Amino acid sequence: MDLAIQKKVVELVVAALGAELGSTPPWLMRPGEHECGQRWELVKSIYGNLTGGQVLPDLMPPRERRVLDAVLTVGGQSRALEVDETQHFNEFRATSLARYAHDSSIPLAFPAEL
């Protein structure tokens, strides 16, 4: 996707919601067991589902780094915003979202029924 489009979408959403714009939290940039804490087992199971049973290392290699398009804070609650192309909405995304939906301790900003 054109980065200019992504930036414009983020700008419009921030303005529409009156949100504060934040940055990717450190625990998500290079998540490992320490960063994920009590959700480490969930993260490992999602990884295993996506990779056909491979084991997630306890610490991500230095070359791995995740960044969100935006973190929006409205009314004291933070939400991730990703502006993705249609190819990102695939069976892998569905598998990840379905795993989150089964864990009621994770607050979601969307309906859990997929």
Foldseek 3Di string as FASTA:
>chain_A
DPVVVLVVVVVVVCVVQVWDWDWDDPCQFWPFCVSCPPCRVLVQVLVCVLPVHDGDDRTGPPVGTDIFSTWTDHPNDIDTDHDDDPVVPDPSVVSSLQSVLVDVVDDDPDDSPD
